[in-house]
C-alpha atoms as a PDB file:
ATOM      1  CA  MET A   1     -17.979  20.434  -6.691  1.00  0.00           C
ATOM      2  CA  PRO A   2     -14.921  19.047  -8.441  1.00  0.00           C
ATOM      3  CA  ASN A   3     -13.842  15.204  -7.500  1.00  0.00           C
ATOM      4  CA  ARG A   4     -11.574  14.903  -4.901  1.00  0.00           C
ATOM      5  CA  LEU A   5      -8.756  13.496  -6.572  1.00  0.00           C
ATOM      6  CA  SER A   6      -8.997  15.689  -9.841  1.00  0.00           C
ATOM      7  CA  GLY A   7      -5.395  16.048 -11.463  1.00  0.00           C
ATOM      8  CA  LYS A   8      -4.013  13.396  -9.293  1.00  0.00           C
ATOM      9  CA  ARG A   9      -1.849  11.025 -11.393  1.00  0.00           C
ATOM     10  CA  VAL A  10      -1.535   8.098  -8.912  1.00  0.00           C
ATOM     11  CA  PHE A  11       0.850   5.395  -9.269  1.00  0.00           C
ATOM     12  CA  ILE A  12      -0.012   2.057  -7.331  1.00  0.00           C
ATOM     13  CA  THR A  13       1.719  -1.127  -6.722  1.00  0.00           C
ATOM     14  CA  GLY A  14       0.374  -4.367  -5.914  1.00  0.00           C
ATOM     15  CA  ALA A  15      -2.644  -3.191  -8.047  1.00  0.00           C
ATOM     16  CA  ALA A  16      -4.038  -6.304  -9.625  1.00  0.00           C
ATOM     17  CA  GLN A  17      -6.291  -7.293  -6.637  1.00  0.00           C
ATOM     18  CA  GLY A  18      -7.219  -6.665  -2.881  1.00  0.00           C
ATOM     19  CA  ILE A  19      -6.364  -3.400  -1.271  1.00  0.00           C
ATOM     20  CA  GLY A  20      -4.143  -2.043  -4.229  1.00  0.00           C
ATOM     21  CA  LEU A  21      -7.410  -2.730  -6.653  1.00  0.00           C
ATOM     22  CA  ALA A  22      -9.815  -1.104  -4.261  1.00  0.00           C
ATOM     23  CA  ILE A  23      -7.491   1.809  -3.869  1.00  0.00           C
ATOM     24  CA  ALA A  24      -7.359   1.975  -7.666  1.00  0.00           C
ATOM     25  CA  GLU A  25     -11.302   1.833  -8.329  1.00  0.00           C
ATOM     26  CA  ALA A  26     -11.651   4.441  -5.252  1.00  0.00           C
ATOM     27  CA  CYS A  27      -9.221   6.850  -6.862  1.00  0.00           C
ATOM     28  CA  ALA A  28     -10.700   6.543 -10.342  1.00  0.00           C
ATOM     29  CA  ALA A  29     -13.993   7.138  -8.775  1.00  0.00           C
ATOM     30  CA  GLU A  30     -12.791  10.572  -7.689  1.00  0.00           C
ATOM     31  CA  ASP A  31     -11.331  11.401 -11.034  1.00  0.00           C
ATOM     32  CA  ALA A  32      -8.033  10.646 -10.755  1.00  0.00           C
ATOM     33  CA  SER A  33      -5.717   9.124 -13.329  1.00  0.00           C
ATOM     34  CA  ILE A  34      -3.852   5.846 -12.461  1.00  0.00           C
ATOM     35  CA  PHE A  35      -0.892   3.554 -13.430  1.00  0.00           C
ATOM     36  CA  LEU A  36      -0.982   0.359 -12.091  1.00  0.00           C
ATOM     37  CA  ILE A  37       1.695  -2.254 -11.371  1.00  0.00           C
ATOM     38  CA  ASP A  38       1.935  -5.889 -10.271  1.00  0.00           C
ATOM     39  CA  ARG A  39       3.989  -8.703 -10.702  1.00  0.00           C
ATOM     40  CA  ASP A  40       1.055 -11.009 -11.740  1.00  0.00           C
ATOM     41  CA  GLU A  41       0.878  -9.706 -15.631  1.00  0.00           C
ATOM     42  CA  ALA A  42      -2.331 -11.960 -16.164  1.00  0.00           C
ATOM     43  CA  LEU A  43      -4.171 -10.702 -13.040  1.00  0.00           C
ATOM     44  CA  LEU A  44      -2.864  -6.939 -13.735  1.00  0.00           C
ATOM     45  CA  GLU A  45      -4.248  -7.061 -17.430  1.00  0.00           C
ATOM     46  CA  GLN A  46      -7.695  -8.392 -16.129  1.00  0.00           C
ATOM     47  CA  ALA A  47      -8.221  -5.645 -13.701  1.00  0.00           C
ATOM     48  CA  ALA A  48      -6.883  -2.927 -15.864  1.00  0.00           C
ATOM     49  CA  ASN A  49      -9.557  -4.110 -18.637  1.00  0.00           C
ATOM     50  CA  LYS A  50     -12.413  -3.828 -16.383  1.00  0.00           C
ATOM     51  CA  LEU A  51     -11.220  -0.598 -15.395  1.00  0.00           C
ATOM     52  CA  LYS A  52     -11.095   0.752 -19.011  1.00  0.00           C
ATOM     53  CA  GLU A  53     -14.517  -0.929 -19.433  1.00  0.00           C
ATOM     54  CA  ASP A  54     -15.768   1.840 -16.966  1.00  0.00           C
ATOM     55  CA  GLY A  55     -14.133   4.750 -18.446  1.00  0.00           C
ATOM     56  CA  VAL A  56     -10.925   5.243 -16.354  1.00  0.00           C
ATOM     57  CA  ASN A  57      -8.019   6.956 -17.416  1.00  0.00           C
ATOM     58  CA  LEU A  58      -4.944   4.614 -16.682  1.00  0.00           C
ATOM     59  CA  GLY A  59      -2.035   2.559 -17.937  1.00  0.00           C
ATOM     60  CA  TYR A  60      -0.271  -0.543 -16.337  1.00  0.00           C
ATOM     61  CA  GLN A  61       2.894  -2.435 -16.590  1.00  0.00           C
ATOM     62  CA  ALA A  62       3.668  -5.668 -15.124  1.00  0.00           C
ATOM     63  CA  ALA A  63       6.751  -4.856 -12.768  1.00  0.00           C
ATOM     64  CA  ASP A  64       8.526  -6.461  -9.791  1.00  0.00           C
ATOM     65  CA  ILE A  65       9.040  -3.723  -7.400  1.00  0.00           C
ATOM     66  CA  THR A  66      12.398  -5.488  -5.991  1.00  0.00           C
ATOM     67  CA  ASN A  67      13.895  -4.359  -9.456  1.00  0.00           C
ATOM     68  CA  ALA A  68      15.091  -0.764  -9.239  1.00  0.00           C
ATOM     69  CA  GLU A  69      15.536  -0.357 -13.138  1.00  0.00           C
ATOM     70  CA  ALA A  70      11.892  -2.100 -13.652  1.00  0.00           C
ATOM     71  CA  VAL A  71      10.603   0.555 -11.266  1.00  0.00           C
ATOM     72  CA  ARG A  72      12.194   3.376 -13.068  1.00  0.00           C
ATOM     73  CA  ALA A  73      10.815   2.018 -16.477  1.00  0.00           C
ATOM     74  CA  ALA A  74       7.319   1.877 -15.213  1.00  0.00           C
ATOM     75  CA  VAL A  75       7.348   5.405 -13.742  1.00  0.00           C
ATOM     76  CA  ALA A  76       8.746   6.662 -17.176  1.00  0.00           C
ATOM     77  CA  ARG A  77       5.965   4.917 -18.865  1.00  0.00           C
ATOM     78  CA  ALA A  78       3.309   6.249 -16.716  1.00  0.00           C
ATOM     79  CA  ALA A  79       4.492   9.785 -17.468  1.00  0.00           C
ATOM     80  CA  GLY A  80       4.045   8.901 -20.998  1.00  0.00           C
ATOM     81  CA  GLU A  81       0.703   7.583 -20.857  1.00  0.00           C
ATOM     82  CA  ILE A  82      -0.787   9.541 -18.042  1.00  0.00           C
ATOM     83  CA  GLY A  83       1.365  12.378 -17.196  1.00  0.00           C
ATOM     84  CA  ASN A  84       4.135  12.781 -14.426  1.00  0.00           C
ATOM     85  CA  ILE A  85       3.281  10.973 -11.244  1.00  0.00           C
ATOM     86  CA  ASN A  86       2.108  13.536  -8.374  1.00  0.00           C
ATOM     87  CA  ALA A  87       0.813  10.822  -6.343  1.00  0.00           C
ATOM     88  CA  LEU A  88       2.030   7.323  -5.095  1.00  0.00           C
ATOM     89  CA  VAL A  89       0.731   4.486  -3.207  1.00  0.00           C
ATOM     90  CA  ASN A  90       3.308   1.928  -2.160  1.00  0.00           C
ATOM     91  CA  ASN A  91       0.661  -0.876  -1.430  1.00  0.00           C
ATOM     92  CA  ALA A  92       2.570  -4.106  -2.822  1.00  0.00           C
ATOM     93  CA  GLY A  93       3.718  -6.357   0.346  1.00  0.00           C
ATOM     94  CA  VAL A  94       4.099  -9.779   1.012  1.00  0.00           C
ATOM     95  CA  ASN A  95       3.297 -11.692   4.404  1.00  0.00           C
ATOM     96  CA  VAL A  96       6.305 -13.410   6.232  1.00  0.00           C
ATOM     97  CA  PHE A  97       5.420 -14.711   9.496  1.00  0.00           C
ATOM     98  CA  ALA A  98       7.537 -17.377  11.277  1.00  0.00           C
ATOM     99  CA  GLU A  99       9.215 -17.999  14.606  1.00  0.00           C
ATOM    100  CA  PRO A 100      12.315 -15.898  14.629  1.00  0.00           C
ATOM    101  CA  LEU A 101      14.898 -18.968  14.816  1.00  0.00           C
ATOM    102  CA  GLN A 102      12.882 -20.970  12.082  1.00  0.00           C
ATOM    103  CA  THR A 103      13.114 -17.810   9.780  1.00  0.00           C
ATOM    104  CA  THR A 104      15.425 -18.586   6.694  1.00  0.00           C
ATOM    105  CA  ASP A 105      17.883 -16.473   5.134  1.00  0.00           C
ATOM    106  CA  GLU A 106      15.519 -16.451   2.176  1.00  0.00           C
ATOM    107  CA  ASP A 107      12.297 -15.523   3.953  1.00  0.00           C
ATOM    108  CA  TRP A 108      14.314 -12.608   5.576  1.00  0.00           C
ATOM    109  CA  GLN A 109      15.596 -11.434   2.158  1.00  0.00           C
ATOM    110  CA  ARG A 110      11.958 -11.754   0.554  1.00  0.00           C
ATOM    111  CA  CYS A 111      10.331  -9.791   3.394  1.00  0.00           C
ATOM    112  CA  PHE A 112      12.618  -6.735   3.355  1.00  0.00           C
ATOM    113  CA  ASP A 113      13.307  -7.044  -0.202  1.00  0.00           C
ATOM    114  CA  ILE A 114       9.134  -6.576  -1.176  1.00  0.00           C
ATOM    115  CA  ASN A 115       8.088  -4.741   2.044  1.00  0.00           C
ATOM    116  CA  LEU A 116      10.816  -2.144   2.459  1.00  0.00           C
ATOM    117  CA  LYS A 117      13.323  -2.220  -0.871  1.00  0.00           C
ATOM    118  CA  GLY A 118      10.678  -2.320  -3.233  1.00  0.00           C
ATOM    119  CA  ALA A 119       8.635   0.784  -1.356  1.00  0.00           C
ATOM    120  CA  TRP A 120      11.844   2.663  -1.345  1.00  0.00           C
ATOM    121  CA  ASN A 121      12.491   2.112  -5.053  1.00  0.00           C
ATOM    122  CA  CYS A 122       9.451   3.226  -6.151  1.00  0.00           C
ATOM    123  CA  CYS A 123      10.256   6.633  -3.957  1.00  0.00           C
ATOM    124  CA  ARG A 124      13.155   7.076  -5.411  1.00  0.00           C
ATOM    125  CA  ALA A 125      11.914   6.693  -8.596  1.00  0.00           C
ATOM    126  CA  VAL A 126       9.329   9.573  -8.305  1.00  0.00           C
ATOM    127  CA  LEU A 127      10.593  11.769  -5.768  1.00  0.00           C
ATOM    128  CA  PRO A 128      12.911  13.798  -8.111  1.00  0.00           C
ATOM    129  CA  GLU A 129      10.011  14.671 -10.471  1.00  0.00           C
ATOM    130  CA  MET A 130       7.679  15.515  -7.734  1.00  0.00           C
ATOM    131  CA  ILE A 131      10.429  18.178  -6.362  1.00  0.00           C
ATOM    132  CA  ALA A 132      11.209  19.606  -9.763  1.00  0.00           C
ATOM    133  CA  ARG A 133       7.204  20.246 -10.248  1.00  0.00           C
ATOM    134  CA  GLY A 134       6.767  21.563  -6.719  1.00  0.00           C
ATOM    135  CA  GLY A 135       5.067  18.846  -4.396  1.00  0.00           C
ATOM    136  CA  GLY A 136       3.444  15.418  -4.624  1.00  0.00           C
ATOM    137  CA  VAL A 137       2.050  12.665  -2.132  1.00  0.00           C
ATOM    138  CA  ILE A 138       3.560   9.440  -1.078  1.00  0.00           C
ATOM    139  CA  LEU A 139       1.271   7.013   0.655  1.00  0.00           C
ATOM    140  CA  ASN A 140       3.110   3.919   1.995  1.00  0.00           C
ATOM    141  CA  ILE A 141       0.512   1.105   2.939  1.00  0.00           C
ATOM    142  CA  ALA A 142       2.019  -0.126   6.316  1.00  0.00           C
ATOM    143  CA  SER A 143       0.155  -2.581   8.935  1.00  0.00           C
ATOM    144  CA  THR A 144      -0.717  -2.552  12.620  1.00  0.00           C
ATOM    145  CA  HIS A 145       2.328  -4.565  12.724  1.00  0.00           C
ATOM    146  CA  ALA A 146       4.366  -1.482  12.248  1.00  0.00           C
ATOM    147  CA  PHE A 147       3.722  -0.519  15.957  1.00  0.00           C
ATOM    148  CA  THR A 148       2.624  -3.994  17.490  1.00  0.00           C
ATOM    149  CA  ILE A 149       4.417  -7.287  17.926  1.00  0.00           C
ATOM    150  CA  ILE A 150       2.239 -10.873  17.549  1.00  0.00           C
ATOM    151  CA  PRO A 151       4.355 -13.754  18.304  1.00  0.00           C
ATOM    152  CA  HIS A 152       5.485 -15.924  15.349  1.00  0.00           C
ATOM    153  CA  THR A 153       5.150 -13.063  12.767  1.00  0.00           C
ATOM    154  CA  PHE A 154       8.885 -12.431  12.659  1.00  0.00           C
ATOM    155  CA  PRO A 155      10.246 -10.844  10.653  1.00  0.00           C
ATOM    156  CA  TYR A 156       7.438  -9.153   9.057  1.00  0.00           C
ATOM    157  CA  PRO A 157       6.777  -6.554  11.953  1.00  0.00           C
ATOM    158  CA  LEU A 158      10.654  -5.517  11.594  1.00  0.00           C
ATOM    159  CA  ALA A 159       9.811  -4.624   8.045  1.00  0.00           C
ATOM    160  CA  LYS A 160       6.716  -2.704   8.592  1.00  0.00           C
ATOM    161  CA  HIS A 161       8.191  -0.801  11.554  1.00  0.00           C
ATOM    162  CA  ALA A 162      10.941   0.315   9.163  1.00  0.00           C
ATOM    163  CA  LEU A 163       8.645   1.344   6.588  1.00  0.00           C
ATOM    164  CA  LEU A 164       7.019   3.615   9.202  1.00  0.00           C
ATOM    165  CA  GLY A 165      10.506   4.961   9.691  1.00  0.00           C
ATOM    166  CA  MET A 166      11.131   5.682   6.355  1.00  0.00           C
ATOM    167  CA  THR A 167       7.666   7.523   6.140  1.00  0.00           C
ATOM    168  CA  LYS A 168       8.914   9.551   8.800  1.00  0.00           C
ATOM    169  CA  SER A 169      12.295  10.455   7.233  1.00  0.00           C
ATOM    170  CA  LEU A 170      11.233  11.099   3.845  1.00  0.00           C
ATOM    171  CA  GLY A 171       8.409  13.310   5.278  1.00  0.00           C
ATOM    172  CA  ILE A 172      10.792  15.055   7.551  1.00  0.00           C
ATOM    173  CA  GLU A 173      13.273  15.382   4.587  1.00  0.00           C
ATOM    174  CA  TYR A 174      11.165  16.837   1.807  1.00  0.00           C
ATOM    175  CA  ALA A 175       8.250  18.771   3.740  1.00  0.00           C
ATOM    176  CA  ALA A 176       9.847  22.113   2.625  1.00  0.00           C
ATOM    177  CA  LYS A 177       9.517  20.800  -1.022  1.00  0.00           C
ATOM    178  CA  ASN A 178       5.898  20.413  -0.807  1.00  0.00           C
ATOM    179  CA  VAL A 179       5.874  16.678  -0.916  1.00  0.00           C
ATOM    180  CA  ARG A 180       3.707  14.776   1.896  1.00  0.00           C
ATOM    181  CA  VAL A 181       4.806  11.454   2.921  1.00  0.00           C
ATOM    182  CA  ASN A 182       2.638   9.314   5.298  1.00  0.00           C
ATOM    183  CA  ALA A 183       1.496   5.495   6.071  1.00  0.00           C
ATOM    184  CA  LEU A 184      -1.681   4.177   6.423  1.00  0.00           C
ATOM    185  CA  ALA A 185      -1.952   1.123   8.897  1.00  0.00           C
ATOM    186  CA  PRO A 186      -4.852  -1.444   8.177  1.00  0.00           C
ATOM    187  CA  GLY A 187      -5.597  -4.049  10.499  1.00  0.00           C
ATOM    188  CA  TYR A 188      -6.612  -7.300   8.990  1.00  0.00           C
ATOM    189  CA  VAL A 189      -8.662  -7.092   5.773  1.00  0.00           C
ATOM    190  CA  ALA A 190     -10.831  -9.446   3.880  1.00  0.00           C
ATOM    191  CA  THR A 191      -8.325 -10.207   1.299  1.00  0.00           C
ATOM    192  CA  GLN A 192      -7.058 -13.170  -0.701  1.00  0.00           C
ATOM    193  CA  LYS A 193      -3.823 -12.941   1.819  1.00  0.00           C
ATOM    194  CA  ALA A 194      -6.381 -13.378   4.686  1.00  0.00           C
ATOM    195  CA  ILE A 195      -7.926 -16.240   3.210  1.00  0.00           C
ATOM    196  CA  ASP A 196      -4.529 -17.903   2.319  1.00  0.00           C
ATOM    197  CA  TYR A 197      -3.549 -17.209   6.187  1.00  0.00           C
ATOM    198  CA  TRP A 198      -6.557 -18.933   7.816  1.00  0.00           C
ATOM    199  CA  ASN A 199      -6.384 -21.681   5.236  1.00  0.00           C
ATOM    200  CA  SER A 200      -2.719 -22.310   6.711  1.00  0.00           C
ATOM    201  CA  PHE A 201      -4.398 -23.841   9.744  1.00  0.00           C
ATOM    202  CA  PRO A 202      -6.115 -27.178  10.283  1.00  0.00           C
ATOM    203  CA  ASP A 203      -9.397 -25.669  10.353  1.00  0.00           C
ATOM    204  CA  PRO A 204      -9.581 -22.288   8.591  1.00  0.00           C
ATOM    205  CA  GLU A 205     -13.422 -21.470   9.714  1.00  0.00           C
ATOM    206  CA  LYS A 206     -12.292 -21.852  13.305  1.00  0.00           C
ATOM    207  CA  ALA A 207      -8.941 -19.630  12.860  1.00  0.00           C
ATOM    208  CA  LYS A 208     -11.307 -17.097  10.577  1.00  0.00           C
ATOM    209  CA  ALA A 209     -13.717 -16.975  13.606  1.00  0.00           C
ATOM    210  CA  GLU A 210     -10.723 -16.424  16.188  1.00  0.00           C
ATOM    211  CA  THR A 211      -9.441 -13.551  14.110  1.00  0.00           C
ATOM    212  CA  MET A 212     -12.949 -11.886  14.122  1.00  0.00           C
ATOM    213  CA  LYS A 213     -13.269 -12.085  17.634  1.00  0.00           C
ATOM    214  CA  LEU A 214     -10.197 -10.162  18.159  1.00  0.00           C
ATOM    215  CA  HIS A 215     -11.740  -7.203  16.909  1.00  0.00           C
ATOM    216  CA  PRO A 216     -14.329  -4.756  18.767  1.00  0.00           C
ATOM    217  CA  GLY A 217     -16.707  -4.753  16.388  1.00  0.00           C
ATOM    218  CA  GLY A 218     -16.434  -8.701  15.618  1.00  0.00           C
ATOM    219  CA  ARG A 219     -15.686  -8.153  11.969  1.00  0.00           C
ATOM    220  CA  ILE A 220     -12.378  -6.990   9.720  1.00  0.00           C
ATOM    221  CA  ALA A 221     -12.183  -4.333   7.291  1.00  0.00           C
ATOM    222  CA  THR A 222     -13.111  -4.545   3.645  1.00  0.00           C
ATOM    223  CA  PRO A 223     -10.493  -3.394   0.772  1.00  0.00           C
ATOM    224  CA  GLN A 224     -13.013  -0.778   0.260  1.00  0.00           C
ATOM    225  CA  GLU A 225     -12.569   0.528   3.742  1.00  0.00           C
ATOM    226  CA  ILE A 226      -9.250   1.131   3.352  1.00  0.00           C
ATOM    227  CA  ALA A 227      -9.341   2.799  -0.017  1.00  0.00           C
ATOM    228  CA  MET A 228     -11.671   5.204   1.683  1.00  0.00           C
ATOM    229  CA  ALA A 229      -9.155   6.306   3.981  1.00  0.00           C
ATOM    230  CA  ALA A 230      -6.196   6.142   1.268  1.00  0.00           C
ATOM    231  CA  VAL A 231      -8.504   8.464  -0.994  1.00  0.00           C
ATOM    232  CA  PHE A 232      -8.527  11.029   2.086  1.00  0.00           C
ATOM    233  CA  MET A 233      -4.874  10.937   2.470  1.00  0.00           C
ATOM    234  CA  ILE A 234      -4.073  11.149  -1.469  1.00  0.00           C
ATOM    235  CA  SER A 235      -6.257  14.189  -1.594  1.00  0.00           C
ATOM    236  CA  ASP A 236      -5.705  17.973  -0.585  1.00  0.00           C
ATOM    237  CA  GLU A 237      -8.051  17.541   2.522  1.00  0.00           C
ATOM    238  CA  CYS A 238      -5.324  17.013   4.653  1.00  0.00           C
ATOM    239  CA  PRO A 239      -2.494  19.498   3.627  1.00  0.00           C
ATOM    240  CA  PHE A 240      -0.666  19.499   6.747  1.00  0.00           C
ATOM    241  CA  MET A 241      -0.540  15.778   7.559  1.00  0.00           C
ATOM    242  CA  ASN A 242       2.919  14.860   6.997  1.00  0.00           C
ATOM    243  CA  ALA A 243       5.447  12.203   8.327  1.00  0.00           C
ATOM    244  CA  THR A 244       2.485  10.209  10.188  1.00  0.00           C
ATOM    245  CA  CYS A 245       0.523   6.956   9.966  1.00  0.00           C
ATOM    246  CA  LEU A 246      -3.304   6.813   9.964  1.00  0.00           C
ATOM    247  CA  THR A 247      -4.523   3.680  11.621  1.00  0.00           C
ATOM    248  CA  VAL A 248      -7.588   1.814  10.184  1.00  0.00           C
ATOM    249  CA  ASP A 249      -8.182  -1.293  12.221  1.00  0.00           C
ATOM    250  CA  GLY A 250     -11.434  -0.955  14.042  1.00  0.00           C
ATOM    251  CA  GLY A 251      -9.640  -0.335  17.113  1.00  0.00           C
ATOM    252  CA  LEU A 252      -7.946  -3.742  17.346  1.00  0.00           C
ATOM    253  CA  SER A 253      -4.465  -2.249  18.187  1.00  0.00           C
ATOM    254  CA  VAL A 254      -6.097  -0.103  21.043  1.00  0.00           C
ATOM    255  CA  LEU A 255      -6.873  -3.750  22.470  1.00  0.00           C
ATOM    256  CA  GLN A 256      -3.433  -5.201  21.798  1.00  0.00           C
ATOM    257  CA  HIS A 257      -1.986  -2.287  23.651  1.00  0.00           C
ATOM    258  CA  GLN A 258      -3.822  -2.905  26.846  1.00  0.00           C
END
């Protein structure tokens, strides 16, 4: 039986750590060729070297997704190193949480530049070749913030709502070109971002315990659990799944909607 991602050439953003790195590892384990980008050059090189030791076919380049020209250059390099990209994972993102009237113009710009504009820069860079070659897959890593609102997390939910809108719009626009565009919405995930969030409180352990109590199962996801869902959505196992969002949050958003 062939591996689930044989023939996939996957371009992954924010791939040096956390969910992005877990997705890279999971894709590689299913026989995909991967190209990794991240702003943190040292961390990216470290991750890439470890994957190369495991025999993974990959390329990588440090790049800022808010820079459209840098993204285009990375996509061109990827085509030369692993072949034309037929799967994109827009994973790079940043938490920007504040009370609305305390949100600075710089916070607002940073939130939308990374969480929305950056994803669009990547879509725009890969779509022409996907269309020309008969299809492809785009997976945007959204969040439960894309359809729920938690006080004092402004303007992050706005950007994630917009990312979900872009997912649906592009999915409909290019469905006839055999390009599937979907989103994956994790809840809380055990990444460095989560640790940084807990550490922003006077009592980090108490904050962590409160987070765990929010979830029906009393725990949060591992990056690998999110990566498993990503592999499914990148694969050809869901060929009629388009312009939609898969939620992987342990049931958290169901409780939030009550």
